[in-house]
Protein backbone atom coordinates (compact mmCIF):
# COMPACT_ATOMS: atom_id res chain seq x y z
CA UNK A 1 19.26 10.55 -19.67
CA UNK A 2 15.59 11.77 -20.09
CA UNK A 3 13.42 8.50 -20.27
CA UNK A 4 9.68 9.08 -20.81
CA UNK A 5 7.80 8.55 -17.53
CA UNK A 6 4.15 7.28 -17.53
CA UNK A 7 2.28 8.58 -14.57
CA UNK A 8 -0.78 6.50 -14.13
CA UNK A 9 -3.78 7.97 -12.21
CA UNK A 10 -7.03 5.87 -11.72
CA UNK A 11 -10.04 8.40 -11.42
CA UNK A 12 -13.22 7.83 -9.97
CA UNK A 13 -15.79 10.14 -9.12
CA UNK A 14 -12.89 12.58 -7.80
CA UNK A 15 -13.96 15.91 -9.40
CA UNK A 16 -13.28 17.87 -5.82
CA UNK A 17 -9.87 17.18 -6.32
CA UNK A 18 -8.60 15.75 -9.82
CA UNK A 19 -7.92 19.29 -10.95
CA UNK A 20 -5.41 19.96 -8.47
CA UNK A 21 -3.79 16.53 -8.73
CA UNK A 22 -3.23 17.21 -12.53
CA UNK A 23 -1.62 20.46 -11.98
CA UNK A 24 0.91 19.03 -9.59
CA UNK A 25 2.04 16.94 -12.55
CA UNK A 26 1.88 19.81 -15.07
CA UNK A 27 4.37 21.65 -12.43
CA UNK A 28 6.87 19.32 -12.50
CA UNK A 29 10.43 20.40 -12.93
CA UNK A 30 11.25 17.11 -15.10
CA UNK A 31 9.08 17.66 -18.16
CA UNK A 32 9.63 14.18 -20.36
CA UNK A 33 6.27 12.62 -18.98
CA UNK A 34 2.87 11.59 -20.27
CA UNK A 35 -0.12 11.37 -18.00
CA UNK A 36 -2.42 8.29 -18.38
CA UNK A 37 -5.93 9.03 -16.49
CA UNK A 38 -7.96 5.94 -16.37
CA UNK A 39 -11.42 6.65 -15.58
CA UNK A 40 -12.85 3.80 -13.58
CA UNK A 41 -16.40 4.18 -14.38
CA UNK A 42 -16.72 8.05 -12.81
CA UNK A 43 -20.50 9.21 -12.75
CA UNK A 44 -19.42 12.91 -11.76
CA UNK A 45 -17.44 15.65 -13.43
CA UNK A 46 -14.36 14.23 -13.50
CA UNK A 47 -14.01 13.75 -17.07
CA UNK A 48 -14.83 17.22 -18.04
CA UNK A 49 -12.27 18.58 -15.84
CA UNK A 50 -9.86 16.08 -17.68
CA UNK A 51 -11.08 16.94 -21.11
CA UNK A 52 -10.17 20.81 -19.90
CA UNK A 53 -6.71 19.45 -19.46
CA UNK A 54 -6.21 17.24 -22.44
CA UNK A 55 -7.25 20.48 -24.73
CA UNK A 56 -4.09 22.34 -23.05
CA UNK A 57 -1.46 19.63 -22.82
CA UNK A 58 -0.92 16.79 -25.26
CA UNK A 59 1.28 14.82 -23.04
CA UNK A 60 -2.33 14.38 -21.11
CA UNK A 61 -4.29 11.09 -22.09
CA UNK A 62 -7.35 9.93 -21.13
CA UNK A 63 -9.42 6.35 -21.12
CA UNK A 64 -12.79 5.26 -19.76
CA UNK A 65 -13.70 1.72 -18.42
CA UNK A 66 -16.14 0.21 -16.91
CA UNK A 67 -16.13 0.22 -12.92
CA UNK A 68 -13.24 -2.44 -11.74
CA UNK A 69 -11.64 -0.82 -8.98
CA UNK A 70 -8.11 0.75 -8.86
CA UNK A 71 -6.29 -2.44 -9.67
CA UNK A 72 -7.93 -2.91 -12.87
CA UNK A 73 -7.88 1.11 -13.74
CA UNK A 74 -3.75 0.88 -13.00
CA UNK A 75 -3.69 -2.23 -15.12
CA UNK A 76 -5.28 -0.67 -18.14
CA UNK A 77 -2.99 2.38 -17.52
CA UNK A 78 0.04 -0.19 -17.65
CA UNK A 79 -0.83 -1.64 -20.71
CA UNK A 80 -1.77 1.60 -22.55
CA UNK A 81 1.34 3.59 -21.50
CA UNK A 82 4.48 4.31 -23.66
CA UNK A 83 6.78 5.36 -20.95
CA UNK A 84 10.00 3.19 -20.22
CA UNK A 85 9.43 4.20 -16.44
CA UNK A 86 5.94 3.74 -14.73
CA UNK A 87 5.09 6.24 -11.69
CA UNK A 88 1.79 6.15 -9.98
CA UNK A 89 -0.47 8.93 -8.67
CA UNK A 90 -3.80 8.29 -6.65
CA UNK A 91 -6.67 11.17 -8.05
CA UNK A 92 -6.78 12.60 -4.69
CA UNK A 93 -3.41 13.22 -3.84
CA UNK A 94 -0.31 15.29 -5.10
CA UNK A 95 3.37 15.22 -6.30
CA UNK A 96 5.68 17.82 -5.09
CA UNK A 97 7.20 19.95 -8.41
CA UNK A 98 10.60 18.21 -7.74
CA UNK A 99 9.12 14.49 -7.55
CA UNK A 100 9.96 13.36 -10.82
CA UNK A 101 13.21 14.90 -11.01
CA UNK A 102 14.59 13.37 -7.77
CA UNK A 103 13.90 9.84 -8.75
CA UNK A 104 15.48 10.60 -12.23
CA UNK A 105 18.66 11.41 -10.21
CA UNK A 106 18.24 8.33 -8.30
CA UNK A 107 18.59 6.31 -11.44
CA UNK A 108 21.86 8.11 -12.18
CA UNK A 109 23.03 7.45 -8.84
CA UNK A 110 21.75 4.00 -7.89
CA UNK A 111 21.63 1.07 -10.27
CA UNK A 112 18.42 -0.20 -8.54
CA UNK A 113 15.39 -1.93 -10.41
CA UNK A 114 13.00 -0.35 -8.06
CA UNK A 115 12.65 2.97 -6.45
CA UNK A 116 10.28 5.00 -3.90
CA UNK A 117 10.18 7.83 -1.79
CA UNK A 118 9.02 9.66 1.30
CA UNK A 119 5.99 11.87 1.80
CA UNK A 120 3.50 13.46 3.81
CA UNK A 121 0.14 12.87 4.89
CA UNK A 122 -2.04 16.01 4.53
CA UNK A 123 -5.66 17.21 5.11
CA UNK A 124 -7.28 20.57 4.53
CA UNK A 125 -8.55 22.33 7.61
CA UNK A 126 -10.00 26.25 7.62
CA UNK A 127 -8.11 26.39 4.07
CA UNK A 128 -4.91 25.41 5.27
CA UNK A 129 -2.59 22.40 4.30
CA UNK A 130 -1.64 20.50 7.36
CA UNK A 131 1.36 18.07 6.54
CA UNK A 132 2.21 15.42 8.82
CA UNK A 133 5.37 13.74 7.63
CA UNK A 134 5.97 9.75 7.64
CA UNK A 135 9.04 7.89 7.93
CA UNK A 136 9.98 4.43 7.23
CA UNK A 137 12.90 2.39 6.01
CA UNK A 138 14.86 4.02 3.20
CA UNK A 139 18.35 3.65 1.67
CA UNK A 140 19.89 0.62 -0.65
CA UNK A 141 18.51 -2.99 -0.30
CA UNK A 142 18.81 -6.36 -2.19
CA UNK A 143 15.38 -7.72 -3.16
CA UNK A 144 15.56 -10.44 -0.36
CA UNK A 145 16.47 -7.81 2.34
CA UNK A 146 13.51 -5.43 1.02
CA UNK A 147 11.13 -8.41 1.24
CA UNK A 148 11.39 -9.14 4.86
CA UNK A 149 11.27 -5.32 5.62
CA UNK A 150 7.80 -5.15 3.62
CA UNK A 151 6.37 -8.17 5.31
CA UNK A 152 7.10 -6.82 8.64
CA UNK A 153 6.06 -3.50 7.87
CA UNK A 154 4.94 -1.59 4.61
CA UNK A 155 4.83 1.67 4.17
CA UNK A 156 5.62 2.01 0.45
CA UNK A 157 3.20 4.72 -0.69
CA UNK A 158 2.43 3.93 -4.18
CA UNK A 159 2.67 7.78 -5.17
CA UNK A 160 6.19 7.45 -4.60
CA UNK A 161 7.13 4.40 -6.75
CA UNK A 162 9.05 4.57 -10.26
CA UNK A 163 9.91 1.11 -11.91
CA UNK A 164 10.67 0.29 -15.50
CA UNK A 165 7.68 -1.14 -17.30
CA UNK A 166 9.26 -4.05 -19.11
CA UNK A 167 10.39 -5.24 -15.70
CA UNK A 168 6.82 -4.86 -14.28
CA UNK A 169 4.85 -6.59 -16.98
CA UNK A 170 7.72 -9.38 -16.41
CA UNK A 171 6.67 -9.52 -12.78
CA UNK A 172 3.07 -9.06 -13.12
CA UNK A 173 0.57 -6.23 -12.46
CA UNK A 174 -1.87 -5.73 -9.87
CA UNK A 175 -4.25 -8.45 -8.36
CA UNK A 176 -7.42 -7.35 -9.33
CA UNK A 177 -9.43 -9.50 -6.95
CA UNK A 178 -12.04 -8.62 -4.83
CA UNK A 179 -10.69 -9.29 -1.35
CA UNK A 180 -7.18 -7.46 -2.40
CA UNK A 181 -8.98 -4.24 -2.87
CA UNK A 182 -6.79 -1.64 -0.65
CA UNK A 183 -4.00 -3.69 -0.51
CA UNK A 184 -3.27 -4.68 -4.03
CA UNK A 185 -0.08 -2.62 -4.14
CA UNK A 186 1.40 -4.32 -0.75
CA UNK A 187 0.44 -7.74 -2.84
CA UNK A 188 2.78 -6.06 -5.98
CA UNK A 189 5.64 -4.64 -3.89
CA UNK A 190 6.31 -8.35 -2.11
CA UNK A 191 6.33 -10.04 -5.72
CA UNK A 192 8.86 -7.40 -6.95
CA UNK A 193 10.98 -7.86 -4.10
CA UNK A 194 11.25 -11.58 -4.35
CA UNK A 195 12.06 -10.82 -8.58
CA UNK A 196 14.68 -7.93 -8.24
CA UNK A 197 18.38 -7.65 -7.47
CA UNK A 198 18.00 -4.04 -6.20
CA UNK A 199 15.93 -1.52 -4.36
CA UNK A 200 16.69 2.15 -3.50
CA UNK A 201 14.38 4.11 -1.38
CA UNK A 202 15.07 7.95 -1.12
CA UNK A 203 13.68 9.90 2.15
CA UNK A 204 12.94 13.09 0.32
CA UNK A 205 9.19 13.66 0.99
CA UNK A 206 7.94 14.84 -2.55
CA UNK A 207 4.25 13.34 -2.29
CA UNK A 208 1.38 14.55 -0.60
CA UNK A 209 -1.29 11.75 0.55
CA UNK A 210 -4.49 13.15 1.22
CA UNK A 211 -6.32 12.32 4.26
CA UNK A 212 -10.47 12.55 3.87
CA UNK A 213 -13.52 11.05 4.55
CA UNK A 214 -13.84 9.40 1.54
CA UNK A 215 -10.45 8.09 1.32
CA UNK A 216 -9.63 4.10 0.73
CA UNK A 217 -7.18 4.36 4.04
CA UNK A 218 -10.48 4.26 6.02
CA UNK A 219 -11.67 1.11 5.02
CA UNK A 220 -9.62 -0.69 7.62
CA UNK A 221 -11.39 -4.33 8.02
CA UNK A 222 -11.17 -4.77 4.30
CA UNK A 223 -7.76 -3.80 4.29
CA UNK A 224 -6.62 -6.37 7.35
CA UNK A 225 -8.63 -9.23 5.56
CA UNK A 226 -6.60 -8.38 2.37
CA UNK A 227 -3.02 -8.21 3.96
CA UNK A 228 -4.44 -11.38 5.77
CA UNK A 229 -4.60 -13.26 2.32
CA UNK A 230 -1.72 -11.98 0.89
CA UNK A 231 0.25 -13.34 3.90
CA UNK A 232 -1.34 -16.57 3.00
CA UNK A 233 0.27 -16.81 -0.13
CA UNK A 234 3.82 -16.99 1.37
CA UNK A 235 2.70 -19.72 4.03
CA UNK A 236 4.98 -22.15 2.62
CA UNK A 237 7.79 -19.33 1.48
CA UNK A 238 11.37 -20.23 2.20
CA UNK A 239 11.49 -16.37 2.86
CA UNK A 240 9.60 -16.60 5.86
CA UNK A 241 10.38 -18.42 8.82
CA UNK A 242 7.68 -19.95 11.02
CA UNK A 243 8.45 -17.40 14.08
CA UNK A 244 8.15 -14.19 11.45
CA UNK A 245 4.89 -15.77 10.14
CA UNK A 246 3.18 -16.11 13.28
CA UNK A 247 4.30 -12.66 14.33
CA UNK A 248 2.68 -10.90 11.57
CA UNK A 249 -0.60 -13.43 11.79
CA UNK A 250 -0.92 -12.31 15.77
CA UNK A 251 -0.73 -8.44 14.68
CA UNK A 252 -3.08 -8.82 11.76
CA UNK A 253 -5.82 -10.73 13.63
CA UNK A 254 -5.32 -8.75 16.73
CA UNK A 255 -6.00 -5.40 14.70
CA UNK A 256 -8.78 -7.14 12.59
CA UNK A 257 -10.67 -8.07 15.92
CA UNK A 258 -10.13 -4.47 17.06
CA UNK A 259 -11.41 -3.02 13.85
CA UNK A 260 -14.64 -5.39 14.02
CA UNK A 261 -15.49 -4.18 17.38
CA UNK A 262 -14.97 -0.54 16.21
CA UNK A 263 -17.26 -1.04 13.34
CA UNK A 264 -19.84 -2.30 15.51
CA UNK A 265 -19.49 -6.24 14.17
CA UNK A 266 -18.13 -7.82 17.25
CA UNK A 267 -20.12 -10.93 16.21
CA UNK A 268 -17.68 -11.94 13.45
CA UNK A 269 -14.93 -11.97 16.08
CA UNK A 270 -15.54 -15.70 16.93
CA UNK A 271 -15.81 -17.26 13.29
CA UNK A 272 -12.58 -15.58 12.38
CA UNK A 273 -10.82 -16.36 15.61
CA UNK A 274 -11.20 -19.99 14.59
CA UNK A 275 -9.43 -19.06 11.10
CA UNK A 276 -6.32 -17.49 13.19
CA UNK A 277 -6.31 -20.52 16.00
CA UNK A 278 -5.49 -22.78 12.98
CA UNK A 279 -2.43 -20.42 12.03
CA UNK A 280 -1.22 -20.34 15.82
CA UNK A 281 -1.12 -24.01 17.03
CA UNK A 282 0.75 -23.68 19.89
CA UNK A 283 1.34 -20.04 20.86
CA UNK A 284 0.61 -18.66 24.61
CA UNK A 285 -1.79 -16.25 23.60
CA UNK A 286 -3.94 -18.25 21.12
CA UNK A 287 -4.04 -21.18 23.95
CA UNK A 288 -5.49 -18.97 26.52
CA UNK A 289 -7.82 -17.28 23.75
CA UNK A 290 -9.30 -20.46 22.97
CA UNK A 291 -10.65 -21.39 26.53
CA UNK A 292 -11.88 -17.47 26.75
CA UNK A 293 -13.81 -17.67 23.56
CA UNK A 294 -16.36 -19.83 24.74
CA UNK A 295 -16.64 -18.43 28.24
CA UNK A 296 -16.69 -14.63 27.55
CA UNK A 297 -18.77 -12.35 25.13
CA UNK A 298 -17.21 -11.08 22.27
CA UNK A 299 -16.26 -7.54 23.72
CA UNK A 300 -15.18 -9.19 26.93
CA UNK A 301 -12.85 -11.52 25.14
CA UNK A 302 -11.25 -8.36 23.41
CA UNK A 303 -10.96 -6.76 26.30
CA UNK A 304 -8.80 -9.23 28.09
CA UNK A 305 -7.06 -9.95 25.18
CA UNK A 306 -5.68 -6.21 24.88
CA UNK A 307 -5.24 -5.66 28.36
CA UNK A 308 -3.81 -8.72 29.53
CA UNK A 309 -2.98 -11.56 27.39
CA UNK A 310 -1.34 -9.66 24.24
CA UNK A 311 0.76 -7.61 26.83
CA UNK A 312 2.08 -11.11 28.10
CA UNK A 313 2.47 -12.08 24.83
CA UNK A 314 4.60 -9.61 23.16
CA UNK A 315 7.05 -10.00 26.34
CA UNK A 316 7.59 -13.43 25.40
CA UNK A 317 7.45 -12.81 21.32
CA UNK A 318 10.22 -10.18 22.33
CA UNK A 319 12.39 -12.68 23.95
CA UNK A 320 11.85 -15.07 21.31
CA UNK A 321 12.62 -12.92 18.44
CA UNK A 322 16.08 -11.57 20.31
CA UNK A 323 16.89 -15.60 20.81
CA UNK A 324 15.97 -17.02 17.40
CA UNK A 325 15.28 -14.41 14.70
CA UNK A 326 17.20 -11.16 15.14
CA UNK A 327 20.81 -12.70 13.66
CA UNK A 328 18.87 -14.24 10.71
């Protein structure tokens, strides 16, 4: 069984990294692939580097589009690719040589609709690659089980995913809306989980996720807002209980308030708190925050919340979780 795997790479001004990224695909032990590079309006020399590779390997394809973000670039790749299976790779990240071969073995050994794996964060210091492993949930899950795991904590690295093209087109591709930039993959994984029977996660670390100053992972406020908007899609969904939903909203808004202060935007906290308060009408933390938000400065409000209210709230939440959620 040697299905064609289409590897889709959105490219935007990554001339510094794209050569190494392409090399990591060419060096795969599994060779039945095509590499679809979708240029999202780059203004640097990325296209010239790609053209050099196209001349050397016919499996490499290139498409240019006007700038619209990673989601739109990936969607173009999904539409034009020819593979039975689709994998993704960001233009600054890397595959280990066995990445594709490992998931082909997973296909043989596990009858799953959606596959993902593990990897490393890495950065280059003094010419040396420093790897930091990350761990999450791995193994076999039903779609419903996987949805609940994702809803609480999504750590599926897009560079580790493998899915059938036909299934992806049936479920729907990446949401291209501006508010979800940086979180569109989380949105897609949740939709997939609710529409498949089985999922398999392999703990092998076969991808390298690059940490650098230009990475989208640094856009914390935007990504937290995106997550909040994704959660709102499931406010009435029967897979999400009330306590489960409120727990995630508390976490998202706590992190959002802290990120706004860190970015020097504390004046935005009060308006966003009003949005959060509508989500948690009777919670202990939200009750006291409603009072304090009108008495304290944004920074003092946040300090009191972090040092006192959240600590009490988490203990109460832990007890509630043990009594009402754990066995559901």
